[in-house]
Amino acid sequence: MRKKINIITPAYNEEEGISNFDAVLRSCLLPLETTYYFEIIYVLDKSRDNTAQKIKEICEKNPNTKLVMLSRRFGHQLSLMAGIDLCDGDAVIMLDCDLEHPPQLIEKLLEKYEEGYEIVNTKREYAQKISYFKKLTSQWFYKFINSLSSVPIEEASADFRLLSRKAYKVFQEHLREKNPFVRGLVSWVGFSQTSVPFVSATRQQGISKYNLRRLLSFAITGIIAFSKVPLRWSIFLGFCLSVFSVCYALFSIFLYFFVTTNTKAPGFPTLIIFISLIGGMQLIVLGIIGEYIGNIFEEVKNRPLYIVEEIYSIRN
């Protein structure tokens, strides 16, 4: 009996390239269909273009395809969670629909799965066309988060992976975070893991949805989700400022009583500098604390992770 493999593909404003991606994906799955039965789940974040209609046309031609439309834009990570929640196969493969995650690698992921690995990750190797800035910021991010977190996240890992039933059931039943950092959670769950390298292709059609603002938000989510070190830095910073203030106060007293009037401590400029410095540090610390409190606030409201507007399939 063939094993069932669910394939999750998040989409957002992908009208230009979704048909080409689907064709490439199916051409890669065709040689494997003697061993596996594939169900493709497109998870559509609320889009402004004609992506929904394009995917519905794909569904009408392919009974093994399903479209899950979310009621608004919930983001890439929650789109992955929505797809995982609908999985019922022996394993699930998740990949983006911009062809930066090559569908040709699916065969290799399945080979590693058959070797007994519960989780098969992929490790991105950037093509020469990728900007040096993007490579550098990616390296910095992983080095930084790994220096803070007790859960190691492989450098250059991508949201292109295979999870066995045992692994994805943990996400369905237990990992219900409102701001999930999926690649961190995958490392956290453990199980037997391996990784497969791939060269990241450049996007052929459409534009990337991850601008600088979203990349920074993604990085902050990862740090807040997997480290308390910034809070401890806040304590250390406050302690250092307190010690410095006491030392400066003693130094000022010494100058006042034991040094000539020409070299006494300056007044107004010094005061302004210290108020600005301490005020800035306080705002930074409050901002760090606020990020953690904001995450707590999101969790305790206990809203659903996402809302499904429609599930479209010719099997329904």
Protein backbone atom coordinates (compact mmCIF):
# COMPACT_ATOMS: atom_id res chain seq x y z
CA MET A 1 0.00 0.00 0.00
CA ARG A 2 1.32 3.43 -0.94
CA LYS A 3 2.22 5.83 1.83
CA LYS A 4 0.32 9.11 1.86
CA ILE A 5 2.40 12.29 1.80
CA ASN A 6 0.79 15.67 2.41
CA ILE A 7 2.47 18.63 0.73
CA ILE A 8 1.83 22.08 2.27
CA THR A 9 2.40 25.17 0.15
CA PRO A 10 1.66 28.64 1.62
CA ALA A 11 0.73 31.28 -0.96
CA TYR A 12 0.17 35.02 -0.91
CA ASN A 13 -0.29 37.16 -4.03
CA GLU A 14 1.26 34.50 -6.27
CA GLU A 15 -1.02 34.91 -9.30
CA GLU A 16 1.90 35.26 -11.72
CA GLY A 17 3.81 32.15 -10.75
CA ILE A 18 1.44 29.66 -9.11
CA SER A 19 0.56 27.75 -12.29
CA ASN A 20 4.22 27.34 -13.22
CA PHE A 21 5.08 26.17 -9.70
CA ASP A 22 2.26 23.61 -9.75
CA ALA A 23 3.45 22.22 -13.08
CA VAL A 24 7.04 21.89 -11.84
CA LEU A 25 5.87 20.29 -8.57
CA ARG A 26 3.72 17.68 -10.30
CA SER A 27 6.48 16.81 -12.75
CA CYS A 28 8.74 16.07 -9.77
CA LEU A 29 6.08 14.00 -7.98
CA LEU A 30 5.09 11.92 -11.01
CA PRO A 31 8.04 9.44 -10.86
CA LEU A 32 7.34 8.89 -7.14
CA GLU A 33 3.64 8.07 -7.46
CA THR A 34 4.26 4.34 -7.73
CA THR A 35 5.43 4.43 -4.10
CA TYR A 36 3.55 7.38 -2.60
CA TYR A 37 0.16 9.01 -2.82
CA PHE A 38 0.47 12.80 -2.68
CA GLU A 39 -2.10 15.30 -1.47
CA ILE A 40 -1.23 18.92 -2.19
CA ILE A 41 -2.62 21.54 0.19
CA TYR A 42 -2.37 25.16 -0.90
CA VAL A 43 -2.85 27.51 2.07
CA LEU A 44 -3.80 30.95 0.78
CA ASP A 45 -3.20 33.93 3.03
CA LYS A 46 -5.83 36.54 2.17
CA SER A 47 -4.58 37.87 -1.17
CA ARG A 48 -5.39 40.94 -3.22
CA ASP A 49 -4.85 39.35 -6.63
CA ASN A 50 -6.33 36.41 -8.53
CA THR A 51 -4.33 33.66 -6.79
CA ALA A 52 -7.46 32.00 -5.33
CA GLN A 53 -9.06 31.53 -8.75
CA LYS A 54 -5.82 30.21 -10.22
CA ILE A 55 -5.55 27.58 -7.48
CA LYS A 56 -9.22 26.64 -7.84
CA GLU A 57 -8.58 25.95 -11.51
CA ILE A 58 -5.69 23.71 -10.48
CA CYS A 59 -7.95 21.91 -7.98
CA GLU A 60 -10.59 21.27 -10.66
CA LYS A 61 -8.03 19.44 -12.78
CA ASN A 62 -6.47 17.49 -9.91
CA PRO A 63 -8.57 15.58 -7.36
CA ASN A 64 -5.57 15.27 -5.02
CA THR A 65 -5.37 19.06 -4.53
CA LYS A 66 -7.02 21.23 -1.88
CA LEU A 67 -7.22 24.99 -1.38
CA VAL A 68 -7.47 26.38 2.16
CA MET A 69 -8.38 30.08 2.17
CA LEU A 70 -7.72 32.02 5.36
CA SER A 71 -10.12 34.82 6.31
CA ARG A 72 -7.37 37.46 6.47
CA ARG A 73 -3.62 37.62 6.29
CA PHE A 74 -2.23 35.63 9.20
CA GLY A 75 1.33 35.32 7.89
CA HIS A 76 3.60 32.62 6.54
CA GLN A 77 4.19 30.76 9.82
CA LEU A 78 0.50 30.44 10.71
CA SER A 79 -0.23 29.40 7.12
CA LEU A 80 2.13 26.50 7.71
CA MET A 81 0.29 25.67 10.93
CA ALA A 82 -3.06 25.74 9.12
CA GLY A 83 -1.69 23.27 6.59
CA ILE A 84 -0.24 21.00 9.27
CA ASP A 85 -3.62 20.87 11.04
CA LEU A 86 -5.21 19.40 7.90
CA CYS A 87 -2.61 16.68 7.41
CA ASP A 88 -3.48 13.02 7.88
CA GLY A 89 -0.74 11.29 5.92
CA ASP A 90 2.34 9.29 6.89
CA ALA A 91 4.45 12.42 6.50
CA VAL A 92 4.19 16.05 5.47
CA ILE A 93 6.46 18.14 3.27
CA MET A 94 6.27 21.92 3.40
CA LEU A 95 7.76 24.24 0.79
CA ASP A 96 7.17 27.71 -0.65
CA CYS A 97 5.58 28.20 -4.06
CA ASP A 98 8.13 30.66 -5.47
CA LEU A 99 10.49 27.87 -6.64
CA GLU A 100 13.25 29.14 -4.34
CA HIS A 101 12.59 25.80 -2.60
CA PRO A 102 13.26 23.35 -5.46
CA PRO A 103 10.58 20.60 -5.69
CA GLN A 104 13.27 18.37 -7.23
CA LEU A 105 14.61 17.90 -3.69
CA ILE A 106 11.45 16.12 -2.52
CA GLU A 107 12.79 12.76 -3.68
CA LYS A 108 15.89 13.23 -1.52
CA LEU A 109 13.75 14.19 1.50
CA LEU A 110 11.73 11.01 1.08
CA GLU A 111 14.90 8.93 0.82
CA LYS A 112 16.08 10.27 4.17
CA TYR A 113 12.61 9.64 5.62
CA GLU A 114 12.78 6.02 4.50
CA GLU A 115 16.15 5.72 6.20
CA GLY A 116 14.30 6.29 9.47
CA TYR A 117 14.59 10.03 10.13
CA GLU A 118 11.52 11.64 11.68
CA ILE A 119 12.47 15.14 10.50
CA VAL A 120 14.39 16.00 7.35
CA ASN A 121 15.39 19.66 7.20
CA THR A 122 16.97 21.54 4.34
CA LYS A 123 19.98 23.83 4.51
CA ARG A 124 20.10 26.76 2.11
CA GLU A 125 23.19 27.44 0.06
CA TYR A 126 22.81 30.79 -1.65
CA ALA A 127 23.39 31.14 -5.38
CA GLN A 128 25.95 33.61 -6.65
CA LYS A 129 23.21 36.05 -7.69
CA ILE A 130 22.08 36.52 -4.09
CA SER A 131 23.29 39.81 -2.63
CA TYR A 132 26.14 39.81 -0.15
CA PHE A 133 23.98 41.79 2.29
CA LYS A 134 21.32 39.05 2.36
CA LYS A 135 23.92 36.34 2.96
CA LEU A 136 25.58 38.35 5.71
CA THR A 137 22.37 39.23 7.56
CA SER A 138 21.25 35.59 7.41
CA GLN A 139 24.55 34.45 8.95
CA TRP A 140 24.35 37.12 11.64
CA PHE A 141 20.80 36.18 12.53
CA TYR A 142 21.56 32.49 13.12
CA LYS A 143 24.78 33.19 14.99
CA PHE A 144 22.96 35.73 17.17
CA ILE A 145 19.92 33.58 17.98
CA ASN A 146 22.09 30.52 18.67
CA SER A 147 24.21 32.57 21.07
CA LEU A 148 21.04 33.43 22.99
CA SER A 149 19.02 30.23 22.82
CA SER A 150 19.53 26.85 24.44
CA VAL A 151 17.81 25.26 21.41
CA PRO A 152 20.29 25.20 18.50
CA ILE A 153 18.88 26.19 15.11
CA GLU A 154 20.94 25.10 12.13
CA GLU A 155 22.43 28.01 10.24
CA ALA A 156 20.76 28.74 6.86
CA SER A 157 17.86 26.40 7.61
CA ALA A 158 14.65 27.01 5.65
CA ASP A 159 10.93 26.30 6.03
CA PHE A 160 11.35 23.50 3.51
CA ARG A 161 11.30 20.18 5.33
CA LEU A 162 9.70 16.81 5.88
CA LEU A 163 7.98 15.87 9.14
CA SER A 164 6.90 12.34 9.93
CA ARG A 165 3.46 11.65 11.38
CA LYS A 166 5.02 11.37 14.84
CA ALA A 167 6.58 14.83 14.47
CA TYR A 168 3.69 16.74 12.92
CA LYS A 169 1.24 15.30 15.45
CA VAL A 170 3.16 17.21 18.12
CA PHE A 171 2.33 20.43 16.27
CA GLN A 172 -1.32 19.45 15.86
CA GLU A 173 -1.87 18.47 19.48
CA HIS A 174 0.56 20.47 21.60
CA LEU A 175 2.42 23.35 19.92
CA ARG A 176 -0.32 25.98 19.61
CA GLU A 177 1.66 29.18 19.98
CA LYS A 178 0.10 32.38 18.65
CA ASN A 179 3.41 33.59 17.19
CA PRO A 180 5.11 30.37 16.12
CA PHE A 181 8.70 30.31 14.93
CA VAL A 182 8.38 27.02 13.08
CA ARG A 183 12.03 26.29 12.33
CA GLY A 184 12.84 26.82 16.01
CA LEU A 185 9.97 24.61 17.12
CA VAL A 186 11.14 21.88 14.75
CA SER A 187 14.54 21.90 16.48
CA TRP A 188 12.86 21.99 19.89
CA VAL A 189 10.71 18.87 19.40
CA GLY A 190 13.79 16.72 18.93
CA PHE A 191 13.38 13.26 17.34
CA SER A 192 15.93 11.97 14.84
CA GLN A 193 16.82 14.76 12.41
CA THR A 194 19.04 15.27 9.42
CA SER A 195 19.40 17.96 6.78
CA VAL A 196 19.80 18.11 3.02
CA PRO A 197 21.58 21.04 1.33
CA PHE A 198 20.09 22.88 -1.61
CA VAL A 199 21.03 25.88 -3.71
CA SER A 200 18.44 28.61 -3.37
CA ALA A 201 17.21 29.68 -6.78
CA THR A 202 16.17 33.23 -7.53
CA ARG A 203 12.48 34.00 -7.76
CA GLN A 204 11.34 33.81 -11.38
CA GLN A 205 7.96 35.54 -11.10
CA GLY A 206 6.32 37.91 -8.63
CA ILE A 207 8.10 39.65 -5.77
CA SER A 208 9.29 38.48 -2.38
CA LYS A 209 6.82 39.12 0.45
CA TYR A 210 9.62 39.39 3.03
CA ASN A 211 10.71 43.02 3.07
CA LEU A 212 13.12 44.39 5.67
CA ARG A 213 10.33 45.16 8.16
CA ARG A 214 8.94 41.63 7.98
CA LEU A 215 12.41 40.09 8.23
CA LEU A 216 13.10 42.10 11.39
CA SER A 217 9.73 41.08 12.84
CA PHE A 218 10.51 37.44 12.00
CA ALA A 219 13.89 37.70 13.73
CA ILE A 220 12.37 39.29 16.85
CA THR A 221 9.72 36.55 16.99
CA GLY A 222 12.44 33.91 16.92
CA ILE A 223 14.48 35.57 19.66
CA ILE A 224 11.49 36.20 21.95
CA ALA A 225 10.21 32.65 21.43
CA PHE A 226 13.45 30.91 22.31
CA SER A 227 15.46 33.09 24.67
CA LYS A 228 15.17 34.98 27.96
CA VAL A 229 18.68 36.39 27.60
CA PRO A 230 17.51 39.90 26.51
CA LEU A 231 15.67 40.19 29.84
CA ARG A 232 18.84 39.24 31.69
CA TRP A 233 20.78 41.79 29.64
CA SER A 234 18.30 44.39 30.87
CA ILE A 235 19.12 43.50 34.47
CA PHE A 236 22.85 43.67 33.76
CA LEU A 237 22.50 47.00 31.96
CA GLY A 238 20.55 48.47 34.86
CA PHE A 239 23.17 47.24 37.31
CA CYS A 240 26.03 48.74 35.26
CA LEU A 241 24.28 52.10 34.99
CA SER A 242 23.64 52.13 38.74
CA VAL A 243 27.29 51.40 39.53
CA PHE A 244 28.41 54.04 37.04
CA SER A 245 26.05 56.63 38.56
CA VAL A 246 27.35 55.95 42.08
CA CYS A 247 30.94 56.18 40.89
CA TYR A 248 30.27 59.44 39.08
CA ALA A 249 28.54 60.86 42.15
CA LEU A 250 31.58 60.03 44.30
CA PHE A 251 33.85 61.53 41.66
CA SER A 252 31.79 64.75 41.61
CA ILE A 253 31.95 65.01 45.44
CA PHE A 254 35.70 64.53 45.29
CA LEU A 255 36.07 67.30 42.70
CA TYR A 256 33.87 69.65 44.70
CA PHE A 257 35.84 69.36 47.95
CA PHE A 258 39.40 68.62 46.84
CA VAL A 259 39.97 70.15 43.40
CA THR A 260 40.32 73.80 42.45
CA THR A 261 37.31 75.66 41.11
CA ASN A 262 38.68 75.70 37.56
CA THR A 263 38.30 71.94 37.23
CA LYS A 264 35.05 71.34 39.05
CA ALA A 265 32.49 69.00 37.49
CA PRO A 266 30.49 70.68 34.69
CA GLY A 267 26.85 71.29 35.40
CA PHE A 268 24.06 71.65 32.86
CA PRO A 269 25.63 69.75 29.87
CA THR A 270 26.56 66.83 32.12
CA LEU A 271 23.04 66.67 33.49
CA ILE A 272 21.49 66.64 30.02
CA ILE A 273 23.85 63.92 28.81
CA PHE A 274 23.09 61.67 31.78
CA ILE A 275 19.34 62.20 31.58
CA SER A 276 19.40 61.38 27.86
CA LEU A 277 21.58 58.32 28.37
CA ILE A 278 19.60 56.86 31.25
CA GLY A 279 16.27 57.75 29.62
CA GLY A 280 17.31 56.03 26.39
CA MET A 281 18.45 52.93 28.24
CA GLN A 282 15.17 52.81 30.17
CA LEU A 283 13.16 52.98 26.95
CA ILE A 284 15.24 50.16 25.42
CA VAL A 285 14.71 47.98 28.49
CA LEU A 286 11.00 48.77 28.57
CA GLY A 287 10.79 47.89 24.89
CA ILE A 288 12.40 44.50 25.50
CA ILE A 289 10.08 43.79 28.43
CA GLY A 290 7.14 45.00 26.33
CA GLU A 291 7.88 42.46 23.60
CA TYR A 292 7.73 39.61 26.10
CA ILE A 293 4.59 40.98 27.76
CA GLY A 294 3.01 41.41 24.31
CA ASN A 295 3.62 37.74 23.57
CA ILE A 296 2.07 36.78 26.90
CA PHE A 297 -0.92 38.99 26.10
CA GLU A 298 -1.43 37.24 22.76
CA GLU A 299 -1.29 33.83 24.40
CA VAL A 300 -3.70 34.54 27.27
CA LYS A 301 -6.38 35.95 24.95
CA ASN A 302 -6.66 32.39 23.63
CA ARG A 303 -7.89 33.40 20.19
CA PRO A 304 -7.66 30.78 17.42
CA LEU A 305 -4.36 30.67 15.56
CA TYR A 306 -6.15 31.35 12.28
CA ILE A 307 -9.63 31.36 10.74
CA VAL A 308 -10.45 29.34 7.64
CA GLU A 309 -12.82 31.10 5.26
CA GLU A 310 -13.19 28.28 2.75
CA ILE A 311 -11.77 24.87 1.89
CA TYR A 312 -12.08 24.13 -1.82
CA SER A 313 -11.63 20.71 -3.37
CA ILE A 314 -13.58 18.83 -6.05
CA ARG A 315 -13.76 15.95 -3.56
CA ASN A 316 -15.91 18.02 -1.19
